[in-house]
């Protein structure tokens, strides 16, 4: 089973950018599809972006399309989330999740595991 550690969160003004990183260990990283998820106070955890094992296929939630980009570097066992044009509604704890095997667009939070501790993203002026 893979273990993950998220980093890169912080406080940013609306319109700003952040790059999140998720470092994985403990198993063969490129056997896992990966995803970024977020959870705002009082809300359920939701999917943000997902990427296939070789990075060739990605899926995004409508709310972040055109603003966020998920990528991975299998040589570094790391997945990234570049977040641009951030909005206050993007404020949440961001989590990285792993799924052994392939990726499909309908996979949700329950299909991923190996959650890290998360990293806080706050968008505020």
N, C-alpha and C. Protein backbone atom coordinates (compact mmCIF):
# COMPACT_ATOMS: atom_id res chain seq x y z
N UNK A 1 0.85 -1.19 0.00
CA UNK A 1 0.00 0.00 0.00
C UNK A 1 0.89 1.24 0.00
N UNK A 2 0.52 2.22 -0.79
CA UNK A 2 1.30 3.44 -0.88
C UNK A 2 0.93 4.38 0.27
N UNK A 3 1.91 5.12 0.74
CA UNK A 3 1.67 6.19 1.72
C UNK A 3 1.98 7.52 1.04
N UNK A 4 1.21 8.56 1.42
CA UNK A 4 1.38 9.86 0.76
C UNK A 4 1.52 10.96 1.80
N UNK A 5 2.24 12.02 1.40
CA UNK A 5 2.39 13.22 2.22
C UNK A 5 2.16 14.42 1.32
N UNK A 6 1.15 15.23 1.67
CA UNK A 6 0.83 16.42 0.90
C UNK A 6 1.57 17.63 1.45
N UNK A 7 1.88 18.58 0.56
CA UNK A 7 2.52 19.83 0.98
C UNK A 7 2.22 20.92 -0.04
N UNK A 8 2.54 22.15 0.33
CA UNK A 8 2.43 23.25 -0.61
C UNK A 8 1.26 24.19 -0.39
N UNK A 9 0.42 23.89 0.58
CA UNK A 9 -0.71 24.77 0.85
C UNK A 9 -0.27 26.07 1.50
N UNK A 10 -1.25 26.97 1.66
CA UNK A 10 -0.95 28.25 2.30
C UNK A 10 -2.07 29.24 2.10
N UNK A 11 -1.78 30.49 2.44
CA UNK A 11 -2.73 31.59 2.29
C UNK A 11 -2.38 32.36 1.03
N UNK A 12 -3.36 32.58 0.18
CA UNK A 12 -3.14 33.28 -1.08
C UNK A 12 -4.32 34.19 -1.36
N UNK A 13 -4.07 35.30 -2.03
CA UNK A 13 -5.14 36.22 -2.39
C UNK A 13 -5.93 35.69 -3.58
N UNK A 14 -7.18 36.09 -3.70
CA UNK A 14 -7.95 35.71 -4.89
C UNK A 14 -7.20 36.08 -6.16
N UNK A 15 -7.23 35.17 -7.13
CA UNK A 15 -6.49 35.36 -8.36
C UNK A 15 -5.08 34.84 -8.33
N UNK A 16 -4.61 34.45 -7.16
CA UNK A 16 -3.26 33.95 -7.01
C UNK A 16 -3.11 32.49 -7.39
N UNK A 17 -1.90 31.97 -7.18
CA UNK A 17 -1.57 30.60 -7.57
C UNK A 17 -0.87 29.87 -6.44
N UNK A 18 -1.04 28.57 -6.42
CA UNK A 18 -0.31 27.67 -5.53
C UNK A 18 -0.03 26.38 -6.27
N UNK A 19 1.04 25.71 -5.87
CA UNK A 19 1.34 24.39 -6.41
C UNK A 19 1.44 23.39 -5.26
N UNK A 20 0.56 22.43 -5.26
CA UNK A 20 0.57 21.39 -4.25
C UNK A 20 1.39 20.20 -4.73
N UNK A 21 2.03 19.52 -3.78
CA UNK A 21 2.79 18.31 -4.09
C UNK A 21 2.31 17.18 -3.20
N UNK A 22 2.39 15.98 -3.74
CA UNK A 22 2.04 14.77 -2.99
C UNK A 22 3.15 13.76 -3.22
N UNK A 23 3.94 13.50 -2.20
CA UNK A 23 5.04 12.56 -2.29
C UNK A 23 4.59 11.19 -1.81
N UNK A 24 4.82 10.18 -2.61
CA UNK A 24 4.38 8.82 -2.29
C UNK A 24 5.56 7.92 -1.98
N UNK A 25 5.28 6.91 -1.16
CA UNK A 25 6.31 5.93 -0.82
C UNK A 25 5.64 4.61 -0.43
N UNK A 26 6.45 3.56 -0.36
CA UNK A 26 5.96 2.32 0.18
C UNK A 26 5.47 1.29 -0.82
N UNK A 27 5.33 1.69 -2.07
CA UNK A 27 4.88 0.73 -3.07
C UNK A 27 5.29 1.25 -4.45
N UNK A 28 4.97 0.50 -5.47
CA UNK A 28 5.33 0.92 -6.82
C UNK A 28 4.38 2.01 -7.27
N UNK A 29 4.89 3.24 -7.32
CA UNK A 29 4.04 4.40 -7.54
C UNK A 29 3.28 4.32 -8.85
N UNK A 30 3.91 3.87 -9.91
CA UNK A 30 3.22 3.92 -11.19
C UNK A 30 2.23 2.78 -11.38
N UNK A 31 1.94 2.02 -10.32
CA UNK A 31 0.82 1.09 -10.33
C UNK A 31 -0.49 1.77 -9.89
N UNK A 32 -0.38 3.03 -9.46
CA UNK A 32 -1.50 3.73 -8.84
C UNK A 32 -1.97 4.91 -9.67
N UNK A 33 -3.28 4.95 -9.94
CA UNK A 33 -3.89 6.20 -10.36
C UNK A 33 -3.94 7.10 -9.12
N UNK A 34 -3.83 8.40 -9.34
CA UNK A 34 -3.78 9.34 -8.23
C UNK A 34 -4.84 10.43 -8.41
N UNK A 35 -5.21 11.02 -7.30
CA UNK A 35 -6.20 12.09 -7.37
C UNK A 35 -5.99 13.12 -6.29
N UNK A 36 -6.46 14.31 -6.57
CA UNK A 36 -6.54 15.37 -5.57
C UNK A 36 -8.00 15.58 -5.21
N UNK A 37 -8.23 15.73 -3.92
CA UNK A 37 -9.56 15.91 -3.37
C UNK A 37 -9.52 17.05 -2.37
N UNK A 38 -10.66 17.61 -2.04
CA UNK A 38 -10.67 18.68 -1.05
C UNK A 38 -11.90 18.59 -0.17
N UNK A 39 -11.76 19.16 1.02
CA UNK A 39 -12.86 19.16 1.96
C UNK A 39 -12.91 20.50 2.66
N UNK A 40 -14.00 21.21 2.44
CA UNK A 40 -14.22 22.49 3.09
C UNK A 40 -14.97 22.27 4.41
N UNK A 41 -14.87 23.21 5.34
CA UNK A 41 -15.55 23.05 6.63
C UNK A 41 -17.05 22.79 6.45
N UNK A 42 -17.54 21.75 7.11
CA UNK A 42 -18.96 21.43 7.07
C UNK A 42 -19.42 20.75 5.80
N UNK A 43 -18.48 20.42 4.92
CA UNK A 43 -18.85 19.78 3.66
C UNK A 43 -18.15 18.44 3.52
N UNK A 44 -18.67 17.62 2.63
CA UNK A 44 -18.05 16.32 2.37
C UNK A 44 -16.82 16.50 1.47
N UNK A 45 -15.94 15.52 1.55
CA UNK A 45 -14.77 15.52 0.68
C UNK A 45 -15.23 15.34 -0.77
N UNK A 46 -14.63 16.11 -1.67
CA UNK A 46 -15.03 16.05 -3.07
C UNK A 46 -13.80 15.90 -3.96
N UNK A 47 -14.04 15.35 -5.13
CA UNK A 47 -12.98 15.18 -6.10
C UNK A 47 -12.62 16.51 -6.74
N UNK A 48 -11.34 16.69 -7.04
CA UNK A 48 -10.87 17.89 -7.74
C UNK A 48 -10.30 17.50 -9.10
N UNK A 49 -9.35 16.58 -9.08
CA UNK A 49 -8.68 16.17 -10.32
C UNK A 49 -8.09 14.78 -10.12
N UNK A 50 -8.03 14.02 -11.22
CA UNK A 50 -7.50 12.66 -11.15
C UNK A 50 -6.57 12.44 -12.33
N UNK A 51 -5.59 11.55 -12.17
CA UNK A 51 -4.63 11.28 -13.22
C UNK A 51 -4.33 9.79 -13.28
N UNK A 52 -4.16 9.29 -14.49
CA UNK A 52 -3.91 7.87 -14.68
C UNK A 52 -2.48 7.50 -14.29
N UNK A 53 -2.20 6.21 -14.33
CA UNK A 53 -0.91 5.71 -13.86
C UNK A 53 0.27 6.29 -14.64
N UNK A 54 0.12 6.46 -15.93
CA UNK A 54 1.24 6.99 -16.73
C UNK A 54 1.11 8.49 -17.00
N UNK A 55 0.05 9.10 -16.45
CA UNK A 55 -0.15 10.54 -16.62
C UNK A 55 -0.81 10.93 -17.91
N UNK A 56 -1.17 9.97 -18.73
CA UNK A 56 -1.70 10.29 -20.04
C UNK A 56 -3.16 10.69 -20.06
N UNK A 57 -3.89 10.36 -18.99
CA UNK A 57 -5.32 10.68 -18.91
C UNK A 57 -5.58 11.45 -17.62
N UNK A 58 -6.34 12.54 -17.76
CA UNK A 58 -6.69 13.34 -16.59
C UNK A 58 -8.18 13.67 -16.62
N UNK A 59 -8.75 13.87 -15.45
CA UNK A 59 -10.14 14.29 -15.31
C UNK A 59 -10.21 15.41 -14.28
N UNK A 60 -11.08 16.37 -14.53
CA UNK A 60 -11.24 17.51 -13.64
C UNK A 60 -12.72 17.74 -13.34
N UNK A 61 -12.97 18.22 -12.12
CA UNK A 61 -14.31 18.68 -11.81
C UNK A 61 -14.56 19.99 -12.56
N UNK A 62 -15.82 20.23 -12.90
CA UNK A 62 -16.15 21.41 -13.70
C UNK A 62 -15.70 22.71 -13.02
N UNK A 63 -15.74 22.73 -11.70
CA UNK A 63 -15.44 23.95 -10.97
C UNK A 63 -13.98 24.38 -11.08
N UNK A 64 -13.10 23.46 -11.49
CA UNK A 64 -11.67 23.80 -11.55
C UNK A 64 -11.11 23.71 -12.97
N UNK A 65 -11.91 23.28 -13.92
CA UNK A 65 -11.42 23.15 -15.29
C UNK A 65 -10.91 24.49 -15.82
N UNK A 66 -9.75 24.43 -16.45
CA UNK A 66 -9.15 25.64 -17.00
C UNK A 66 -8.34 26.43 -15.99
N UNK A 67 -8.43 26.07 -14.71
CA UNK A 67 -7.67 26.78 -13.66
C UNK A 67 -6.65 25.88 -12.99
N UNK A 68 -6.99 24.61 -12.81
CA UNK A 68 -6.10 23.67 -12.13
C UNK A 68 -5.53 22.68 -13.14
N UNK A 69 -4.30 22.22 -12.87
CA UNK A 69 -3.66 21.21 -13.69
C UNK A 69 -3.03 20.16 -12.81
N UNK A 70 -3.40 18.90 -13.02
CA UNK A 70 -2.78 17.79 -12.29
C UNK A 70 -1.70 17.18 -13.18
N UNK A 71 -0.59 16.79 -12.56
CA UNK A 71 0.49 16.15 -13.28
C UNK A 71 1.21 15.21 -12.32
N UNK A 72 2.05 14.36 -12.88
CA UNK A 72 2.81 13.46 -12.03
C UNK A 72 4.19 13.22 -12.62
N UNK A 73 5.13 12.92 -11.74
CA UNK A 73 6.48 12.57 -12.13
C UNK A 73 6.78 11.21 -11.49
N UNK A 74 6.66 10.15 -12.26
CA UNK A 74 6.82 8.81 -11.70
C UNK A 74 8.25 8.53 -11.26
N UNK A 75 9.21 9.22 -11.84
CA UNK A 75 10.60 9.06 -11.41
C UNK A 75 10.81 9.62 -10.01
N UNK A 76 9.97 10.60 -9.62
CA UNK A 76 10.08 11.21 -8.30
C UNK A 76 8.98 10.75 -7.35
N UNK A 77 8.12 9.84 -7.81
CA UNK A 77 7.01 9.35 -6.98
C UNK A 77 6.17 10.50 -6.44
N UNK A 78 5.88 11.46 -7.30
CA UNK A 78 5.19 12.67 -6.86
C UNK A 78 4.09 13.05 -7.84
N UNK A 79 2.99 13.51 -7.29
CA UNK A 79 1.91 14.08 -8.09
C UNK A 79 1.72 15.53 -7.66
N UNK A 80 1.39 16.38 -8.62
CA UNK A 80 1.27 17.82 -8.38
C UNK A 80 -0.12 18.31 -8.72
N UNK A 81 -0.48 19.44 -8.13
CA UNK A 81 -1.69 20.15 -8.52
C UNK A 81 -1.33 21.64 -8.62
N UNK A 82 -1.26 22.13 -9.85
CA UNK A 82 -1.02 23.55 -10.08
C UNK A 82 -2.37 24.25 -10.07
N UNK A 83 -2.52 25.21 -9.18
CA UNK A 83 -3.79 25.91 -9.02
C UNK A 83 -3.59 27.38 -9.36
N UNK A 84 -4.27 27.85 -10.40
CA UNK A 84 -4.20 29.24 -10.83
C UNK A 84 -5.58 29.90 -10.68
N UNK A 85 -5.59 31.20 -10.72
CA UNK A 85 -6.84 31.96 -10.63
C UNK A 85 -7.69 31.50 -9.46
N UNK A 86 -7.07 31.39 -8.32
CA UNK A 86 -7.76 30.85 -7.16
C UNK A 86 -8.89 31.76 -6.70
N UNK A 87 -9.94 31.13 -6.20
CA UNK A 87 -11.13 31.82 -5.74
C UNK A 87 -11.35 31.49 -4.25
N UNK A 88 -12.07 32.35 -3.53
CA UNK A 88 -12.35 32.03 -2.12
C UNK A 88 -13.04 30.68 -1.94
N UNK A 89 -13.85 30.28 -2.89
CA UNK A 89 -14.54 28.99 -2.78
C UNK A 89 -13.60 27.79 -2.96
N UNK A 90 -12.36 28.04 -3.32
CA UNK A 90 -11.37 26.95 -3.38
C UNK A 90 -10.77 26.66 -2.00
N UNK A 91 -11.11 27.47 -1.02
CA UNK A 91 -10.59 27.26 0.33
C UNK A 91 -11.04 25.92 0.88
N UNK A 92 -10.08 25.10 1.32
CA UNK A 92 -10.36 23.75 1.82
C UNK A 92 -9.05 23.10 2.24
N UNK A 93 -9.18 21.95 2.86
CA UNK A 93 -8.03 21.08 3.05
C UNK A 93 -7.96 20.19 1.81
N UNK A 94 -6.79 20.14 1.21
CA UNK A 94 -6.59 19.36 0.00
C UNK A 94 -5.86 18.06 0.35
N UNK A 95 -6.42 16.96 -0.14
CA UNK A 95 -5.88 15.64 0.12
C UNK A 95 -5.48 14.95 -1.18
N UNK A 96 -4.47 14.12 -1.07
CA UNK A 96 -4.03 13.28 -2.17
C UNK A 96 -4.51 11.86 -1.89
N UNK A 97 -5.04 11.20 -2.91
CA UNK A 97 -5.50 9.83 -2.76
C UNK A 97 -4.93 8.94 -3.85
N UNK A 98 -4.84 7.65 -3.56
CA UNK A 98 -4.28 6.69 -4.49
C UNK A 98 -5.26 5.56 -4.74
N UNK A 99 -5.21 5.05 -5.96
CA UNK A 99 -6.05 3.93 -6.33
C UNK A 99 -5.20 2.94 -7.12
N UNK A 100 -5.11 1.71 -6.64
CA UNK A 100 -4.34 0.68 -7.34
C UNK A 100 -5.08 0.31 -8.61
N UNK A 101 -4.45 0.51 -9.76
CA UNK A 101 -5.07 0.14 -11.01
C UNK A 101 -5.44 1.32 -11.88
N UNK A 102 -6.43 1.09 -12.74
CA UNK A 102 -6.79 2.06 -13.75
C UNK A 102 -7.67 3.19 -13.26
N UNK A 103 -7.97 4.08 -14.19
CA UNK A 103 -8.74 5.29 -13.89
C UNK A 103 -9.93 5.40 -14.83
N UNK A 104 -11.06 5.78 -14.28
CA UNK A 104 -12.25 6.05 -15.07
C UNK A 104 -12.86 7.36 -14.58
N UNK A 105 -13.60 8.05 -15.44
CA UNK A 105 -14.12 9.37 -15.04
C UNK A 105 -15.13 9.32 -13.90
N UNK A 106 -15.81 8.17 -13.72
CA UNK A 106 -16.86 8.11 -12.70
C UNK A 106 -16.34 7.71 -11.32
N UNK A 107 -15.04 7.45 -11.19
CA UNK A 107 -14.48 7.09 -9.88
C UNK A 107 -14.54 8.29 -8.95
N UNK A 108 -14.95 8.03 -7.71
CA UNK A 108 -15.09 9.11 -6.75
C UNK A 108 -14.23 8.91 -5.52
N UNK A 109 -14.54 9.67 -4.48
CA UNK A 109 -13.76 9.66 -3.25
C UNK A 109 -13.64 8.25 -2.68
N UNK A 110 -14.73 7.50 -2.69
CA UNK A 110 -14.75 6.17 -2.08
C UNK A 110 -13.88 5.17 -2.81
N UNK A 111 -13.47 5.49 -4.03
CA UNK A 111 -12.66 4.58 -4.82
C UNK A 111 -11.17 4.79 -4.61
N UNK A 112 -10.81 5.78 -3.83
CA UNK A 112 -9.42 6.09 -3.55
C UNK A 112 -9.13 5.89 -2.07
N UNK A 113 -7.85 5.75 -1.73
CA UNK A 113 -7.46 5.56 -0.35
C UNK A 113 -6.06 6.08 -0.13
N UNK A 114 -5.43 5.55 0.93
CA UNK A 114 -4.06 5.95 1.29
C UNK A 114 -3.98 7.44 1.54
N UNK A 115 -4.95 8.00 2.19
CA UNK A 115 -5.01 9.44 2.41
C UNK A 115 -3.87 9.92 3.30
N UNK A 116 -3.37 11.11 2.95
CA UNK A 116 -2.40 11.76 3.81
C UNK A 116 -3.11 12.66 4.81
N UNK A 117 -2.33 13.54 5.45
CA UNK A 117 -2.89 14.44 6.47
C UNK A 117 -3.54 15.67 5.85
N UNK A 118 -3.31 15.89 4.58
CA UNK A 118 -3.88 17.04 3.90
C UNK A 118 -3.03 18.29 4.05
N UNK A 119 -3.31 19.27 3.20
CA UNK A 119 -2.64 20.56 3.27
C UNK A 119 -3.69 21.65 3.10
N UNK A 120 -3.65 22.65 3.97
CA UNK A 120 -4.68 23.69 3.99
C UNK A 120 -4.41 24.73 2.91
N UNK A 121 -5.43 25.03 2.13
CA UNK A 121 -5.40 26.11 1.15
C UNK A 121 -6.46 27.12 1.55
N UNK A 122 -6.04 28.36 1.76
CA UNK A 122 -6.95 29.43 2.12
C UNK A 122 -6.81 30.56 1.11
N UNK A 123 -7.92 30.90 0.47
CA UNK A 123 -7.93 31.98 -0.52
C UNK A 123 -8.74 33.13 0.07
N UNK A 124 -8.04 34.19 0.39
CA UNK A 124 -8.69 35.31 1.07
C UNK A 124 -7.88 36.59 0.87
N UNK A 125 -8.58 37.69 0.79
CA UNK A 125 -7.90 38.99 0.71
C UNK A 125 -7.70 39.58 2.11
